[in-house]
Amino acid sequence: MTNPYPRTFSHIGISVPDLDAAVKFYTEVMGWYLIMEPTDVVEDESAIGEMCTDVFGANWERFRIAHLSTGDRIGVELFEFKNQTNPEDNF
């Protein structure tokens, strides 16, 4: 069986410590398009709240998110989580 490379994908999610600074960098330096302004999402019984609980598990409380797009239409979701920790070795 052969695997075709490179593989395609529609979007990627990136966790950042400062959402506003990341949006500024990716739009001004990289020239990416801002699709959705930074928005707060809270853990509740709304459709988006329940969908995020399915993805992140319980007790995530809240996060901020922004949607961007590259010039070749790859979507980029930037996340800023409350009380985010940045381990020294993240791999």
PDB file of N, CA and C in Angstrom:
ATOM      1  N   MET A   1       0.844  -1.181   0.000  1.00  0.00           N
ATOM      2  CA  MET A   1       0.000   0.000   0.000  1.00  0.00           C
ATOM      3  C   MET A   1       0.888   1.244   0.000  1.00  0.00           C
ATOM      4  N   THR A   2       0.613   2.150  -0.881  1.00  0.00           N
ATOM      5  CA  THR A   2       1.397   3.383  -0.939  1.00  0.00           C
ATOM      6  C   THR A   2       0.649   4.505  -0.246  1.00  0.00           C
ATOM      7  N   ASN A   3       1.399   5.360   0.408  1.00  0.00           N
ATOM      8  CA  ASN A   3       0.823   6.521   1.088  1.00  0.00           C
ATOM      9  C   ASN A   3       1.199   7.776   0.322  1.00  0.00           C
ATOM     10  N   PRO A   4       0.214   8.497  -0.221  1.00  0.00           N
ATOM     11  CA  PRO A   4       0.544   9.728  -0.947  1.00  0.00           C
ATOM     12  C   PRO A   4       0.978  10.834   0.016  1.00  0.00           C
ATOM     13  N   TYR A   5       2.043  11.510  -0.332  1.00  0.00           N
ATOM     14  CA  TYR A   5       2.527  12.628   0.480  1.00  0.00           C
ATOM     15  C   TYR A   5       2.700  13.828  -0.413  1.00  0.00           C
ATOM     16  N   PRO A   6       2.556  15.036   0.030  1.00  0.00           N
ATOM     17  CA  PRO A   6       2.121  15.366   1.382  1.00  0.00           C
ATOM     18  C   PRO A   6       0.613  15.188   1.516  1.00  0.00           C
ATOM     19  N   ARG A   7       0.176  14.890   2.719  1.00  0.00           N
ATOM     20  CA  ARG A   7      -1.247  14.715   3.000  1.00  0.00           C
ATOM     21  C   ARG A   7      -1.903  16.074   3.186  1.00  0.00           C
ATOM     22  N   THR A   8      -3.163  16.139   2.851  1.00  0.00           N
ATOM     23  CA  THR A   8      -3.898  17.396   2.989  1.00  0.00           C
ATOM     24  C   THR A   8      -4.657  17.421   4.314  1.00  0.00           C
ATOM     25  N   PHE A   9      -4.981  18.619   4.772  1.00  0.00           N
ATOM     26  CA  PHE A   9      -5.815  18.785   5.954  1.00  0.00           C
ATOM     27  C   PHE A   9      -6.536  20.114   5.838  1.00  0.00           C
ATOM     28  N   SER A  10      -7.593  20.291   6.633  1.00  0.00           N
ATOM     29  CA  SER A  10      -8.405  21.505   6.508  1.00  0.00           C
ATOM     30  C   SER A  10      -8.025  22.582   7.509  1.00  0.00           C
ATOM     31  N   HIS A  11      -7.628  22.177   8.730  1.00  0.00           N
ATOM     32  CA  HIS A  11      -7.276  23.187   9.725  1.00  0.00           C
ATOM     33  C   HIS A  11      -6.420  22.577  10.826  1.00  0.00           C
ATOM     34  N   ILE A  12      -5.847  23.463  11.616  1.00  0.00           N
ATOM     35  CA  ILE A  12      -4.998  23.063  12.736  1.00  0.00           C
ATOM     36  C   ILE A  12      -5.330  23.960  13.922  1.00  0.00           C
ATOM     37  N   GLY A  13      -5.162  23.443  15.130  1.00  0.00           N
ATOM     38  CA  GLY A  13      -5.360  24.230  16.340  1.00  0.00           C
ATOM     39  C   GLY A  13      -4.037  24.444  17.044  1.00  0.00           C
ATOM     40  N   ILE A  14      -3.817  25.671  17.505  1.00  0.00           N
ATOM     41  CA  ILE A  14      -2.573  26.022  18.195  1.00  0.00           C
ATOM     42  C   ILE A  14      -2.933  26.704  19.505  1.00  0.00           C
ATOM     43  N   SER A  15      -2.349  26.249  20.600  1.00  0.00           N
ATOM     44  CA  SER A  15      -2.541  26.880  21.906  1.00  0.00           C
ATOM     45  C   SER A  15      -1.470  27.947  22.094  1.00  0.00           C
ATOM     46  N   VAL A  16      -1.903  29.152  22.447  1.00  0.00           N
ATOM     47  CA  VAL A  16      -0.981  30.280  22.612  1.00  0.00           C
ATOM     48  C   VAL A  16      -1.188  30.917  23.982  1.00  0.00           C
ATOM     49  N   PRO A  17      -0.152  31.522  24.565  1.00  0.00           N
ATOM     50  CA  PRO A  17      -0.306  32.165  25.877  1.00  0.00           C
ATOM     51  C   PRO A  17      -0.998  33.522  25.806  1.00  0.00           C
ATOM     52  N   ASP A  18      -0.943  34.209  24.664  1.00  0.00           N
ATOM     53  CA  ASP A  18      -1.542  35.541  24.516  1.00  0.00           C
ATOM     54  C   ASP A  18      -2.228  35.600  23.152  1.00  0.00           C
ATOM     55  N   LEU A  19      -3.548  35.433  23.152  1.00  0.00           N
ATOM     56  CA  LEU A  19      -4.302  35.351  21.902  1.00  0.00           C
ATOM     57  C   LEU A  19      -4.196  36.626  21.081  1.00  0.00           C
ATOM     58  N   ASP A  20      -4.316  37.774  21.721  1.00  0.00           N
ATOM     59  CA  ASP A  20      -4.263  39.036  20.981  1.00  0.00           C
ATOM     60  C   ASP A  20      -2.907  39.230  20.303  1.00  0.00           C
ATOM     61  N   ALA A  21      -1.835  38.907  21.007  1.00  0.00           N
ATOM     62  CA  ALA A  21      -0.496  39.029  20.422  1.00  0.00           C
ATOM     63  C   ALA A  21      -0.316  38.043  19.267  1.00  0.00           C
ATOM     64  N   ALA A  22      -0.850  36.835  19.413  1.00  0.00           N
ATOM     65  CA  ALA A  22      -0.731  35.832  18.351  1.00  0.00           C
ATOM     66  C   ALA A  22      -1.510  36.257  17.109  1.00  0.00           C
ATOM     67  N   VAL A  23      -2.726  36.777  17.297  1.00  0.00           N
ATOM     68  CA  VAL A  23      -3.521  37.251  16.157  1.00  0.00           C
ATOM     69  C   VAL A  23      -2.781  38.374  15.446  1.00  0.00           C
ATOM     70  N   LYS A  24      -2.225  39.293  16.219  1.00  0.00           N
ATOM     71  CA  LYS A  24      -1.475  40.409  15.629  1.00  0.00           C
ATOM     72  C   LYS A  24      -0.289  39.882  14.814  1.00  0.00           C
ATOM     73  N   PHE A  25       0.468  38.943  15.380  1.00  0.00           N
ATOM     74  CA  PHE A  25       1.622  38.386  14.676  1.00  0.00           C
ATOM     75  C   PHE A  25       1.205  37.707  13.373  1.00  0.00           C
ATOM     76  N   TYR A  26       0.249  36.798  13.455  1.00  0.00           N
ATOM     77  CA  TYR A  26      -0.111  36.021  12.266  1.00  0.00           C
ATOM     78  C   TYR A  26      -0.772  36.869  11.180  1.00  0.00           C
ATOM     79  N   THR A  27      -1.497  37.920  11.556  1.00  0.00           N
ATOM     80  CA  THR A  27      -2.110  38.774  10.530  1.00  0.00           C
ATOM     81  C   THR A  27      -1.115  39.782   9.965  1.00  0.00           C
ATOM     82  N   GLU A  28      -0.310  40.399  10.832  1.00  0.00           N
ATOM     83  CA  GLU A  28       0.604  41.444  10.364  1.00  0.00           C
ATOM     84  C   GLU A  28       1.894  40.892   9.760  1.00  0.00           C
ATOM     85  N   VAL A  29       2.465  39.866  10.361  1.00  0.00           N
ATOM     86  CA  VAL A  29       3.748  39.339   9.890  1.00  0.00           C
ATOM     87  C   VAL A  29       3.552  38.269   8.808  1.00  0.00           C
ATOM     88  N   MET A  30       2.626  37.358   9.046  1.00  0.00           N
ATOM     89  CA  MET A  30       2.419  36.262   8.100  1.00  0.00           C
ATOM     90  C   MET A  30       1.392  36.600   7.015  1.00  0.00           C
ATOM     91  N   GLY A  31       0.599  37.645   7.232  1.00  0.00           N
ATOM     92  CA  GLY A  31      -0.398  38.041   6.243  1.00  0.00           C
ATOM     93  C   GLY A  31      -1.635  37.163   6.207  1.00  0.00           C
ATOM     94  N   TRP A  32      -1.875  36.410   7.289  1.00  0.00           N
ATOM     95  CA  TRP A  32      -3.050  35.542   7.325  1.00  0.00           C
ATOM     96  C   TRP A  32      -4.308  36.373   7.507  1.00  0.00           C
ATOM     97  N   TYR A  33      -5.444  35.810   7.101  1.00  0.00           N
ATOM     98  CA  TYR A  33      -6.741  36.477   7.197  1.00  0.00           C
ATOM     99  C   TYR A  33      -7.394  36.177   8.540  1.00  0.00           C
ATOM    100  N   LEU A  34      -7.948  37.199   9.177  1.00  0.00           N
ATOM    101  CA  LEU A  34      -8.706  37.005  10.410  1.00  0.00           C
ATOM    102  C   LEU A  34     -10.145  36.690  10.023  1.00  0.00           C
ATOM    103  N   ILE A  35     -10.596  35.494  10.315  1.00  0.00           N
ATOM    104  CA  ILE A  35     -11.938  35.044   9.966  1.00  0.00           C
ATOM    105  C   ILE A  35     -12.911  35.328  11.105  1.00  0.00           C
ATOM    106  N   MET A  36     -12.490  35.057  12.350  1.00  0.00           N
ATOM    107  CA  MET A  36     -13.332  35.306  13.525  1.00  0.00           C
ATOM    108  C   MET A  36     -12.498  36.002  14.585  1.00  0.00           C
ATOM    109  N   GLU A  37     -12.934  37.168  15.012  1.00  0.00           N
ATOM    110  CA  GLU A  37     -12.257  37.931  16.069  1.00  0.00           C
ATOM    111  C   GLU A  37     -12.127  37.079  17.333  1.00  0.00           C
ATOM    112  N   PRO A  38     -11.173  37.387  18.209  1.00  0.00           N
ATOM    113  CA  PRO A  38     -11.070  36.670  19.477  1.00  0.00           C
ATOM    114  C   PRO A  38     -12.397  36.695  20.232  1.00  0.00           C
ATOM    115  N   THR A  39     -12.797  35.515  20.692  1.00  0.00           N
ATOM    116  CA  THR A  39     -14.089  35.315  21.336  1.00  0.00           C
ATOM    117  C   THR A  39     -13.902  34.464  22.579  1.00  0.00           C
ATOM    118  N   ASP A  40     -14.679  34.753  23.624  1.00  0.00           N
ATOM    119  CA  ASP A  40     -14.676  33.938  24.838  1.00  0.00           C
ATOM    120  C   ASP A  40     -15.671  32.796  24.697  1.00  0.00           C
ATOM    121  N   VAL A  41     -15.258  31.603  25.090  1.00  0.00           N
ATOM    122  CA  VAL A  41     -16.136  30.438  25.129  1.00  0.00           C
ATOM    123  C   VAL A  41     -16.108  29.925  26.561  1.00  0.00           C
ATOM    124  N   VAL A  42     -17.295  29.691  27.136  1.00  0.00           N
ATOM    125  CA  VAL A  42     -17.378  29.232  28.521  1.00  0.00           C
ATOM    126  C   VAL A  42     -18.000  27.842  28.576  1.00  0.00           C
ATOM    127  N   GLU A  43     -17.621  27.105  29.605  1.00  0.00           N
ATOM    128  CA  GLU A  43     -18.167  25.766  29.815  1.00  0.00           C
ATOM    129  C   GLU A  43     -19.580  25.908  30.361  1.00  0.00           C
ATOM    130  N   ASP A  44     -20.556  25.568  29.543  1.00  0.00           N
ATOM    131  CA  ASP A  44     -21.957  25.632  29.952  1.00  0.00           C
ATOM    132  C   ASP A  44     -22.745  24.624  29.122  1.00  0.00           C
ATOM    133  N   GLU A  45     -24.063  24.709  29.173  1.00  0.00           N
ATOM    134  CA  GLU A  45     -24.904  23.745  28.466  1.00  0.00           C
ATOM    135  C   GLU A  45     -25.301  24.206  27.067  1.00  0.00           C
ATOM    136  N   SER A  46     -24.689  25.271  26.567  1.00  0.00           N
ATOM    137  CA  SER A  46     -24.963  25.714  25.197  1.00  0.00           C
ATOM    138  C   SER A  46     -24.394  24.686  24.219  1.00  0.00           C
ATOM    139  N   ALA A  47     -24.791  24.796  22.963  1.00  0.00           N
ATOM    140  CA  ALA A  47     -24.288  23.857  21.950  1.00  0.00           C
ATOM    141  C   ALA A  47     -22.763  23.917  21.851  1.00  0.00           C
ATOM    142  N   ILE A  48     -22.201  25.123  21.821  1.00  0.00           N
ATOM    143  CA  ILE A  48     -20.741  25.255  21.726  1.00  0.00           C
ATOM    144  C   ILE A  48     -20.067  24.772  23.009  1.00  0.00           C
ATOM    145  N   GLY A  49     -20.686  25.042  24.172  1.00  0.00           N
ATOM    146  CA  GLY A  49     -20.133  24.577  25.440  1.00  0.00           C
ATOM    147  C   GLY A  49     -20.068  23.062  25.515  1.00  0.00           C
ATOM    148  N   GLU A  50     -21.143  22.399  25.086  1.00  0.00           N
ATOM    149  CA  GLU A  50     -21.170  20.935  25.123  1.00  0.00           C
ATOM    150  C   GLU A  50     -20.219  20.327  24.088  1.00  0.00           C
ATOM    151  N   MET A  51     -20.122  20.946  22.914  1.00  0.00           N
ATOM    152  CA  MET A  51     -19.190  20.448  21.902  1.00  0.00           C
ATOM    153  C   MET A  51     -17.749  20.524  22.430  1.00  0.00           C
ATOM    154  N   CYS A  52     -17.410  21.633  23.084  1.00  0.00           N
ATOM    155  CA  CYS A  52     -16.050  21.789  23.619  1.00  0.00           C
ATOM    156  C   CYS A  52     -15.785  20.819  24.757  1.00  0.00           C
ATOM    157  N   THR A  53     -16.801  20.504  25.562  1.00  0.00           N
ATOM    158  CA  THR A  53     -16.630  19.508  26.614  1.00  0.00           C
ATOM    159  C   THR A  53     -16.356  18.142  25.993  1.00  0.00           C
ATOM    160  N   ASP A  54     -17.013  17.835  24.873  1.00  0.00           N
ATOM    161  CA  ASP A  54     -16.728  16.580  24.172  1.00  0.00           C
ATOM    162  C   ASP A  54     -15.273  16.529  23.706  1.00  0.00           C
ATOM    163  N   VAL A  55     -14.730  17.666  23.290  1.00  0.00           N
ATOM    164  CA  VAL A  55     -13.357  17.721  22.777  1.00  0.00           C
ATOM    165  C   VAL A  55     -12.334  17.771  23.907  1.00  0.00           C
ATOM    166  N   PHE A  56     -12.541  18.676  24.894  1.00  0.00           N
ATOM    167  CA  PHE A  56     -11.535  18.941  25.926  1.00  0.00           C
ATOM    168  C   PHE A  56     -11.761  18.190  27.230  1.00  0.00           C
ATOM    169  N   GLY A  57     -12.922  17.561  27.403  1.00  0.00           N
ATOM    170  CA  GLY A  57     -13.252  16.920  28.664  1.00  0.00           C
ATOM    171  C   GLY A  57     -13.859  17.932  29.621  1.00  0.00           C
ATOM    172  N   ALA A  58     -14.269  17.466  30.786  1.00  0.00           N
ATOM    173  CA  ALA A  58     -14.926  18.330  31.772  1.00  0.00           C
ATOM    174  C   ALA A  58     -13.932  19.266  32.456  1.00  0.00           C
ATOM    175  N   ASN A  59     -14.474  20.336  33.006  1.00  0.00           N
ATOM    176  CA  ASN A  59     -13.744  21.294  33.850  1.00  0.00           C
ATOM    177  C   ASN A  59     -12.730  22.152  33.101  1.00  0.00           C
ATOM    178  N   TRP A  60     -12.968  22.442  31.858  1.00  0.00           N
ATOM    179  CA  TRP A  60     -12.084  23.353  31.130  1.00  0.00           C
ATOM    180  C   TRP A  60     -12.418  24.805  31.436  1.00  0.00           C
ATOM    181  N   GLU A  61     -13.559  25.087  31.965  1.00  0.00           N
ATOM    182  CA  GLU A  61     -14.039  26.393  32.441  1.00  0.00           C
ATOM    183  C   GLU A  61     -14.230  27.428  31.340  1.00  0.00           C
ATOM    184  N   ARG A  62     -13.163  27.903  30.727  1.00  0.00           N
ATOM    185  CA  ARG A  62     -13.300  28.896  29.653  1.00  0.00           C
ATOM    186  C   ARG A  62     -12.015  28.959  28.846  1.00  0.00           C
ATOM    187  N   PHE A  63     -12.130  29.477  27.639  1.00  0.00           N
ATOM    188  CA  PHE A  63     -10.965  29.783  26.823  1.00  0.00           C
ATOM    189  C   PHE A  63     -11.346  30.869  25.835  1.00  0.00           C
ATOM    190  N   ARG A  64     -10.342  31.441  25.207  1.00  0.00           N
ATOM    191  CA  ARG A  64     -10.551  32.397  24.124  1.00  0.00           C
ATOM    192  C   ARG A  64     -10.105  31.724  22.839  1.00  0.00           C
ATOM    193  N   ILE A  65     -10.778  32.068  21.749  1.00  0.00           N
ATOM    194  CA  ILE A  65     -10.473  31.453  20.462  1.00  0.00           C
ATOM    195  C   ILE A  65     -10.570  32.492  19.358  1.00  0.00           C
ATOM    196  N   ALA A  66      -9.753  32.343  18.339  1.00  0.00           N
ATOM    197  CA  ALA A  66      -9.843  33.150  17.118  1.00  0.00           C
ATOM    198  C   ALA A  66      -9.607  32.208  15.944  1.00  0.00           C
ATOM    199  N   HIS A  67     -10.244  32.516  14.824  1.00  0.00           N
ATOM    200  CA  HIS A  67     -10.071  31.721  13.605  1.00  0.00           C
ATOM    201  C   HIS A  67      -9.361  32.564  12.561  1.00  0.00           C
ATOM    202  N   LEU A  68      -8.340  31.984  11.954  1.00  0.00           N
ATOM    203  CA  LEU A  68      -7.608  32.640  10.877  1.00  0.00           C
ATOM    204  C   LEU A  68      -7.534  31.691   9.684  1.00  0.00           C
ATOM    205  N   SER A  69      -7.050  32.206   8.570  1.00  0.00           N
ATOM    206  CA  SER A  69      -6.843  31.383   7.387  1.00  0.00           C
ATOM    207  C   SER A  69      -5.566  31.830   6.693  1.00  0.00           C
ATOM    208  N   THR A  70      -4.813  30.856   6.223  1.00  0.00           N
ATOM    209  CA  THR A  70      -3.603  31.153   5.464  1.00  0.00           C
ATOM    210  C   THR A  70      -3.982  31.534   4.035  1.00  0.00           C
ATOM    211  N   GLY A  71      -3.018  31.984   3.275  1.00  0.00           N
ATOM    212  CA  GLY A  71      -3.271  32.352   1.889  1.00  0.00           C
ATOM    213  C   GLY A  71      -3.742  31.194   1.027  1.00  0.00           C
ATOM    214  N   ASP A  72      -3.370  29.963   1.406  1.00  0.00           N
ATOM    215  CA  ASP A  72      -3.814  28.796   0.636  1.00  0.00           C
ATOM    216  C   ASP A  72      -4.981  28.076   1.309  1.00  0.00           C
ATOM    217  N   ARG A  73      -5.720  28.815   2.129  1.00  0.00           N
ATOM    218  CA  ARG A  73      -6.996  28.399   2.719  1.00  0.00           C
ATOM    219  C   ARG A  73      -6.904  27.312   3.786  1.00  0.00           C
ATOM    220  N   ILE A  74      -5.788  27.212   4.462  1.00  0.00           N
ATOM    221  CA  ILE A  74      -5.705  26.319   5.615  1.00  0.00           C
ATOM    222  C   ILE A  74      -6.221  27.098   6.819  1.00  0.00           C
ATOM    223  N   GLY A  75      -7.194  26.543   7.521  1.00  0.00           N
ATOM    224  CA  GLY A  75      -7.744  27.192   8.704  1.00  0.00           C
ATOM    225  C   GLY A  75      -6.822  27.028   9.897  1.00  0.00           C
ATOM    226  N   VAL A  76      -6.742  28.061  10.718  1.00  0.00           N
ATOM    227  CA  VAL A  76      -5.924  28.029  11.932  1.00  0.00           C
ATOM    228  C   VAL A  76      -6.791  28.504  13.087  1.00  0.00           C
ATOM    229  N   GLU A  77      -6.977  27.646  14.095  1.00  0.00           N
ATOM    230  CA  GLU A  77      -7.689  28.018  15.308  1.00  0.00           C
ATOM    231  C   GLU A  77      -6.647  28.300  16.377  1.00  0.00           C
ATOM    232  N   LEU A  78      -6.676  29.488  16.931  1.00  0.00           N
ATOM    233  CA  LEU A  78      -5.776  29.844  18.026  1.00  0.00           C
ATOM    234  C   LEU A  78      -6.565  29.791  19.325  1.00  0.00           C
ATOM    235  N   PHE A  79      -6.021  29.107  20.330  1.00  0.00           N
ATOM    236  CA  PHE A  79      -6.668  28.956  21.628  1.00  0.00           C
ATOM    237  C   PHE A  79      -5.810  29.586  22.714  1.00  0.00           C
ATOM    238  N   GLU A  80      -6.445  30.306  23.626  1.00  0.00           N
ATOM    239  CA  GLU A  80      -5.794  30.791  24.849  1.00  0.00           C
ATOM    240  C   GLU A  80      -6.609  30.255  26.017  1.00  0.00           C
ATOM    241  N   PHE A  81      -6.054  29.266  26.721  1.00  0.00           N
ATOM    242  CA  PHE A  81      -6.766  28.637  27.825  1.00  0.00           C
ATOM    243  C   PHE A  81      -6.501  29.356  29.138  1.00  0.00           C
ATOM    244  N   LYS A  82      -7.516  29.399  29.988  1.00  0.00           N
ATOM    245  CA  LYS A  82      -7.376  29.959  31.334  1.00  0.00           C
ATOM    246  C   LYS A  82      -6.385  29.087  32.107  1.00  0.00           C
ATOM    247  N   ASN A  83      -5.502  29.732  32.862  1.00  0.00           N
ATOM    248  CA  ASN A  83      -4.514  29.026  33.693  1.00  0.00           C
ATOM    249  C   ASN A  83      -3.649  28.064  32.881  1.00  0.00           C
ATOM    250  N   GLN A  84      -3.343  28.441  31.663  1.00  0.00           N
ATOM    251  CA  GLN A  84      -2.501  27.606  30.801  1.00  0.00           C
ATOM    252  C   GLN A  84      -1.114  27.472  31.404  1.00  0.00           C
ATOM    253  N   THR A  85      -0.593  26.266  31.389  1.00  0.00           N
ATOM    254  CA  THR A  85       0.786  26.047  31.818  1.00  0.00           C
ATOM    255  C   THR A  85       1.608  25.687  30.590  1.00  0.00           C
ATOM    256  N   ASN A  86       2.839  26.067  30.602  1.00  0.00           N
ATOM    257  CA  ASN A  86       3.733  25.789  29.487  1.00  0.00           C
ATOM    258  C   ASN A  86       4.877  24.913  29.978  1.00  0.00           C
ATOM    259  N   PRO A  87       4.753  23.582  29.810  1.00  0.00           N
ATOM    260  CA  PRO A  87       5.824  22.702  30.271  1.00  0.00           C
ATOM    261  C   PRO A  87       7.122  22.984  29.526  1.00  0.00           C
ATOM    262  N   GLU A  88       8.217  22.766  30.228  1.00  0.00           N
ATOM    263  CA  GLU A  88       9.524  23.024  29.634  1.00  0.00           C
ATOM    264  C   GLU A  88       9.756  22.141  28.406  1.00  0.00           C
ATOM    265  N   ASP A  89       9.389  20.867  28.518  1.00  0.00           N
ATOM    266  CA  ASP A  89       9.509  19.939  27.399  1.00  0.00           C
ATOM    267  C   ASP A  89       8.096  19.580  26.961  1.00  0.00           C
ATOM    268  N   ASN A  90       7.631  20.183  25.880  1.00  0.00           N
ATOM    269  CA  ASN A  90       6.244  20.030  25.467  1.00  0.00           C
ATOM    270  C   ASN A  90       6.033  18.888  24.474  1.00  0.00           C
ATOM    271  N   PHE A  91       7.042  18.035  24.274  1.00  0.00           N
ATOM    272  CA  PHE A  91       6.879  16.940  23.316  1.00  0.00           C
ATOM    273  C   PHE A  91       7.011  15.603  23.971  1.00  0.00           C
TER     274      PHE A  91
END
